Protein backbone atom coordinates (compact mmCIF):
# COMPACT_ATOMS: atom_id res chain seq x y z
CA MET A 1 8.40 -7.22 -0.55
CA THR A 2 9.86 -5.26 -2.92
CA LEU A 3 6.26 -5.70 -4.88
CA LEU A 4 4.28 -4.54 -2.54
CA GLY A 5 6.11 -1.10 -1.84
CA GLY A 6 5.50 0.14 -5.02
CA PHE A 7 2.42 1.16 -3.39
CA ALA A 8 3.75 3.04 -0.59
CA GLY A 9 3.91 6.60 -3.06
CA THR A 10 1.19 5.58 -3.57
CA VAL A 11 -0.61 6.14 -0.77
CA PHE A 12 2.21 8.13 0.56
CA ILE A 13 2.66 10.55 -2.08
CA PRO A 14 -1.86 11.78 -2.04
CA LEU A 15 -1.68 11.86 1.76
CA THR A 16 1.16 13.85 2.15
CA GLY A 17 -0.39 16.22 -0.36
CA TRP A 18 -3.68 16.42 1.21
CA LEU A 19 -2.36 16.70 5.40
CA ALA A 20 -0.88 19.99 3.26
CA ASP A 21 -3.02 21.03 2.07
CA THR A 22 -5.04 20.76 5.54
CA CYS A 23 -2.44 21.17 8.43
CA GLY A 24 0.46 22.97 6.30
CA TRP A 25 2.99 21.14 6.17
CA ARG A 26 4.55 21.35 9.43
CA GLY A 27 1.58 19.59 10.53
CA ALA A 28 1.81 17.23 7.89
CA LEU A 29 4.65 16.38 8.80
CA VAL A 30 4.16 15.55 12.33
CA ILE A 31 2.00 14.16 11.79
CA LEU A 32 4.03 11.83 9.24
CA ALA A 33 6.69 11.36 12.18
CA ALA A 34 4.11 10.65 14.28
CA ILE A 35 3.40 7.92 12.31
CA ASN A 36 6.84 5.83 12.01
CA LEU A 37 6.86 6.61 15.66
CA LEU A 38 3.46 4.90 16.32
CA VAL A 39 3.31 2.25 13.69
CA ALA A 40 6.07 1.96 11.67
CA ALA A 41 8.04 1.58 14.65
CA PRO A 42 6.72 -1.09 17.17
CA LEU A 43 6.05 -2.73 14.30
CA HIS A 44 9.46 -3.40 13.21
CA TRP A 45 10.42 -3.91 17.32
CA LEU A 46 7.99 -6.61 17.24
CA VAL A 47 8.06 -8.49 14.55
CA LEU A 48 11.64 -7.68 13.20
CA ALA A 49 13.44 -7.24 16.91
CA GLY A 50 14.15 -10.78 17.68
CA ASP A 51 15.43 -12.00 14.78
CA ARG A 52 19.02 -13.36 14.51
CA VAL A 53 21.79 -14.88 11.76
CA GLU A 54 22.07 -18.58 12.57
CA PRO A 55 24.83 -19.97 14.04
CA ALA A 56 25.80 -21.99 9.98
CA ALA A 57 24.90 -19.00 8.70
CA ALA A 58 27.24 -16.43 10.32
CA GLU A 59 30.65 -19.14 10.24
CA GLY A 60 30.63 -18.59 7.02
CA GLN A 61 29.29 -15.47 6.69
CA GLY A 62 33.66 -13.88 6.73
CA LYS A 63 34.14 -16.51 3.63
CA PRO A 64 33.21 -14.54 0.63
CA ARG A 65 34.86 -11.22 1.81
CA GLY A 66 37.35 -11.46 0.25
CA ALA A 67 35.76 -11.73 -2.89
CA SER A 68 33.89 -9.06 -2.28
CA MET A 69 37.07 -6.88 -1.75
CA GLY A 70 37.79 -7.65 -4.81
CA ALA A 71 35.14 -6.60 -6.96
CA LEU A 72 36.97 -2.83 -6.16
CA ARG A 73 39.00 -3.81 -7.94
CA GLN A 74 36.77 -5.04 -11.36
CA ARG A 75 35.61 -2.62 -13.96
CA ALA A 76 32.61 -3.94 -13.71
CA PHE A 77 31.60 -2.91 -10.20
CA TRP A 78 32.42 1.21 -10.39
CA MET A 79 30.75 0.05 -14.44
CA LEU A 80 27.54 -0.34 -11.95
CA VAL A 81 28.43 2.17 -9.18
CA VAL A 82 27.69 4.69 -12.71
CA THR A 83 24.25 3.37 -14.13
CA PHE A 84 22.50 2.82 -10.69
CA CYS A 85 24.15 6.38 -8.99
CA THR A 86 22.54 7.81 -12.29
CA TRP A 87 18.97 5.63 -11.53
CA SER A 88 19.65 7.53 -7.91
CA LEU A 89 20.21 10.77 -9.79
CA ALA A 90 16.77 10.82 -11.24
CA PHE A 91 15.28 9.42 -9.00
CA GLY A 92 16.29 11.88 -6.64
CA SER A 93 15.76 14.54 -8.97
CA LEU A 94 12.06 13.59 -9.94
CA THR A 95 11.18 12.35 -6.74
CA PHE A 96 11.02 15.52 -4.97
CA HIS A 97 10.52 18.09 -7.78
CA LEU A 98 8.29 17.26 -10.04
CA LEU A 99 5.88 19.16 -8.76
CA PRO A 100 7.62 22.16 -9.07
CA LEU A 101 8.48 21.34 -12.46
CA LEU A 102 4.82 20.57 -13.51
CA ALA A 103 3.92 23.91 -11.76
CA GLU A 104 6.40 25.46 -13.24
CA ARG A 105 4.44 24.64 -16.97
CA GLY A 106 2.13 25.85 -15.77
CA ILE A 107 0.33 21.76 -14.35
CA SER A 108 -2.21 22.29 -11.63
CA ASP A 109 -1.18 20.87 -8.63
CA ALA A 110 -3.68 17.92 -8.08
CA VAL A 111 -2.97 16.52 -11.67
CA GLY A 112 1.27 16.61 -10.75
CA ILE A 113 0.45 13.99 -7.42
CA ALA A 114 -2.14 12.73 -9.41
CA LEU A 115 0.48 11.72 -11.49
CA LEU A 116 3.74 11.44 -9.09
CA ALA A 117 1.31 8.85 -7.07
CA SER A 118 1.06 7.23 -10.83
CA VAL A 119 4.56 6.07 -10.59
CA GLY A 120 3.70 2.97 -8.17
CA PRO A 121 1.52 0.92 -10.05
CA LEU A 122 3.74 1.47 -12.24
CA GLN A 123 6.16 0.11 -10.71
CA ILE A 124 4.19 -2.83 -9.20
CA ALA A 125 3.25 -3.35 -13.65
CA GLY A 126 7.19 -3.67 -14.55
CA ARG A 127 8.19 -5.62 -12.11
CA VAL A 128 4.86 -7.88 -12.32
CA GLY A 129 5.85 -7.60 -16.55
CA LEU A 130 9.60 -9.13 -16.04
CA MET A 131 8.61 -11.37 -13.18
CA LEU A 132 6.71 -13.25 -16.54
CA HIS A 133 9.19 -12.75 -18.63
CA ARG A 134 12.33 -13.03 -16.59
CA GLY A 135 13.44 -16.27 -18.35
CA ALA A 136 13.48 -14.77 -21.80
CA MET A 137 15.06 -11.60 -19.85
CA PRO A 138 18.87 -11.44 -19.58
CA ALA A 139 20.49 -9.25 -17.27
CA ARG A 140 22.52 -7.86 -20.20
CA LEU A 141 19.38 -6.89 -22.30
CA LEU A 142 17.05 -5.76 -19.93
CA GLY A 143 19.71 -3.57 -18.29
CA ARG A 144 20.72 -2.63 -22.02
CA ALA A 145 17.01 -1.35 -22.21
CA LEU A 146 16.30 -0.16 -18.73
CA THR A 147 18.66 2.55 -19.53
CA VAL A 148 17.59 3.99 -22.48
CA MET A 149 13.75 4.22 -21.04
CA LEU A 150 15.98 6.65 -18.57
CA VAL A 151 17.36 8.80 -21.27
CA ALA A 152 13.75 8.66 -23.33
CA ALA A 153 11.48 9.52 -20.35
CA VAL A 154 13.83 12.00 -19.21
CA LEU A 155 14.47 13.37 -22.51
CA ILE A 156 10.34 12.95 -23.26
CA LEU A 157 9.46 15.25 -20.49
CA TYR A 158 11.86 18.03 -21.41
CA VAL A 159 10.49 18.23 -24.98
CA ALA A 160 6.53 17.91 -23.01
CA GLY A 161 6.46 21.89 -22.27
CA ALA A 162 2.36 21.86 -20.81
CA ASN A 163 1.95 19.09 -23.27
CA ILE A 164 -0.01 16.65 -20.60
CA TRP A 165 -0.19 14.03 -22.76
CA LEU A 166 3.31 13.83 -23.61
CA ILE A 167 4.39 14.74 -19.25
CA ALA A 168 1.94 11.25 -18.91
CA ALA A 169 4.58 9.41 -21.41
CA GLY A 170 7.12 11.01 -19.49
CA VAL A 171 6.00 9.22 -16.36
CA ALA A 172 4.79 5.66 -18.08
CA LEU A 173 7.98 4.93 -19.38
CA TYR A 174 10.44 6.70 -16.56
CA GLY A 175 7.97 4.83 -13.43
CA VAL A 176 7.82 0.67 -15.47
CA ALA A 177 11.96 1.32 -15.90
CA ASN A 178 12.15 3.01 -12.24
CA GLY A 179 9.86 -0.81 -11.28
CA MET A 180 12.81 -2.85 -12.90
CA VAL A 181 15.59 -1.53 -12.80
CA THR A 182 15.53 -2.67 -7.93
CA ILE A 183 15.57 -5.68 -9.89
CA LEU A 184 17.74 -5.27 -12.31
CA ARG A 185 20.04 -3.88 -9.34
CA GLY A 186 19.90 -7.40 -8.28
CA ILE A 187 20.73 -9.98 -10.63
CA ALA A 188 23.78 -7.43 -12.27
CA VAL A 189 25.01 -7.85 -8.92
CA ALA A 190 25.08 -11.17 -9.55
CA ASP A 191 25.54 -11.96 -13.81
CA TYR A 192 28.50 -9.63 -13.85
CA LEU A 193 30.34 -9.89 -11.22
CA GLY A 194 29.76 -13.45 -9.14
CA VAL A 195 28.25 -15.13 -6.59
CA ALA A 196 30.18 -15.44 -3.93
CA GLY A 197 30.55 -11.93 -1.64
CA PHE A 198 27.24 -11.39 -3.68
CA GLY A 199 25.22 -9.54 -0.01
CA ARG A 200 28.33 -6.66 -0.08
CA LYS A 201 28.84 -6.26 -2.98
CA SER A 202 25.18 -6.31 -3.39
CA GLY A 203 25.66 -3.56 0.23
CA MET A 204 28.66 -1.59 -0.94
CA ILE A 205 26.99 -0.52 -4.83
CA SER A 206 24.24 0.03 -3.10
CA ALA A 207 26.11 2.28 -0.22
CA ILE A 208 27.51 4.43 -2.46
CA ASN A 209 24.59 4.87 -4.23
CA GLY A 210 22.58 6.88 -0.96
CA PHE A 211 25.37 9.58 -1.15
CA ALA A 212 24.01 10.34 -4.88
CA LEU A 213 19.98 9.59 -3.86
CA ALA A 214 21.10 12.50 -1.24
CA LEU A 215 22.73 14.63 -3.27
CA ALA A 216 20.25 14.32 -5.73
CA PRO A 217 17.34 16.92 -4.77
CA TYR A 218 20.34 19.49 -3.31
CA LEU A 219 21.87 19.02 -6.93
CA ALA A 220 18.92 19.38 -8.80
CA GLY A 221 17.80 23.17 -7.03
CA LEU A 222 21.39 24.46 -8.23
CA LEU A 223 20.88 23.24 -12.44
CA TRP A 224 17.41 24.56 -11.01
CA THR A 225 18.92 28.20 -9.40
CA GLY A 226 20.89 28.68 -12.49
CA GLY A 227 18.39 27.75 -15.62
CA GLY A 228 15.27 27.24 -14.45
CA TYR A 229 14.04 23.06 -15.32
CA GLY A 230 14.80 23.37 -18.38
CA LEU A 231 18.60 22.68 -17.33
CA VAL A 232 17.49 20.51 -14.36
CA LEU A 233 16.17 17.78 -17.12
CA ALA A 234 19.20 18.06 -19.54
CA GLY A 235 21.40 17.34 -16.44
CA LEU A 236 19.08 14.63 -15.84
CA ALA A 237 19.35 12.99 -19.55
CA ALA A 238 22.79 14.00 -19.14
CA ALA A 239 24.02 11.82 -16.47
CA ALA A 240 21.52 8.89 -17.75
CA ALA A 241 23.23 8.62 -20.89
CA THR A 242 26.35 8.50 -19.10
CA GLY A 243 24.30 5.75 -16.95
CA ALA A 244 23.59 4.11 -20.89
CA LEU A 245 27.26 4.53 -21.71
CA ALA A 246 28.23 2.79 -18.33
CA PHE A 247 26.12 -0.65 -18.47
CA TRP A 248 26.60 -0.51 -22.21
CA SER A 249 30.41 -1.11 -21.62
CA LEU A 250 29.69 -4.56 -19.24
CA LEU A 251 29.80 -6.66 -22.58
CA ALA A 252 33.12 -6.62 -22.51
CA ALA A 253 33.30 -6.06 -17.74
CA GLY A 254 31.16 -8.75 -17.33
CA SER A 255 33.22 -11.35 -18.89
CA ALA A 256 34.71 -14.61 -17.19
CA ALA A 257 38.09 -13.20 -17.14
CA GLU A 258 37.05 -10.49 -14.43
CA ARG A 259 35.88 -13.06 -12.51
CA PRO A 260 38.13 -15.78 -10.74
CA GLU A 261 36.03 -16.15 -8.21
CA THR A 262 33.26 -17.44 -10.99
CA SER A 263 35.79 -19.49 -12.74
CA ALA A 264 36.86 -21.49 -10.30
CA SER A 265 33.95 -22.73 -8.68
CA ARG A 266 32.53 -23.46 -12.48
CA ASN A 267 36.25 -26.17 -12.90
């Protein structure tokens, strides 16, 4: 689902642009709402609404709760929160501000939409590449590489000006890395926090990330009012560097000493 979901932006970003040009932004919103109401909602009710947790699985749901709540006392948990929150800030900011950023530099809307829509296939390419080389890419190495890639992508966009080739390079680097980080979120939680209570731990990190994702467009807008998109990209670069430092510090944080449930399971 994660792999195929990368095509959502590829389809709906150009579609939304076309609808806005044809029907106006209000008409585009009404049509997109109708798609959700008349297509997505019936599919959910017909296909997914009947699913229930098996009784045997339900009986064991409470067992990992102690392990998952114990993660809140681990430094590794909060370093992962910082790392993935910076990704959410970058994703939320670039998704909603890339087009006006490019327009500020004199790039046409058509080219901007094409660049933004390309992020979907680039994410797919990153995930496929990771799947093909998963055995040779441990979570620590993957996470360090991806956090550096995010910093590099934002810095390239910062210095690119109106150079379309540098802009395309920054977008490509961001898209590939953003595709792979979706996979990293799962394997990093298991690697650094252990598999006991995995769902709860992942859910807690995702819940915190949700706030960063929701605030990102607004925060980027505040920075823009203070100094244009140069300031926005500078802020994103600083946030990305903070996330990279947080993940790189996980060498000690991910040790077995911080994961008593993992150590116990091995004895």
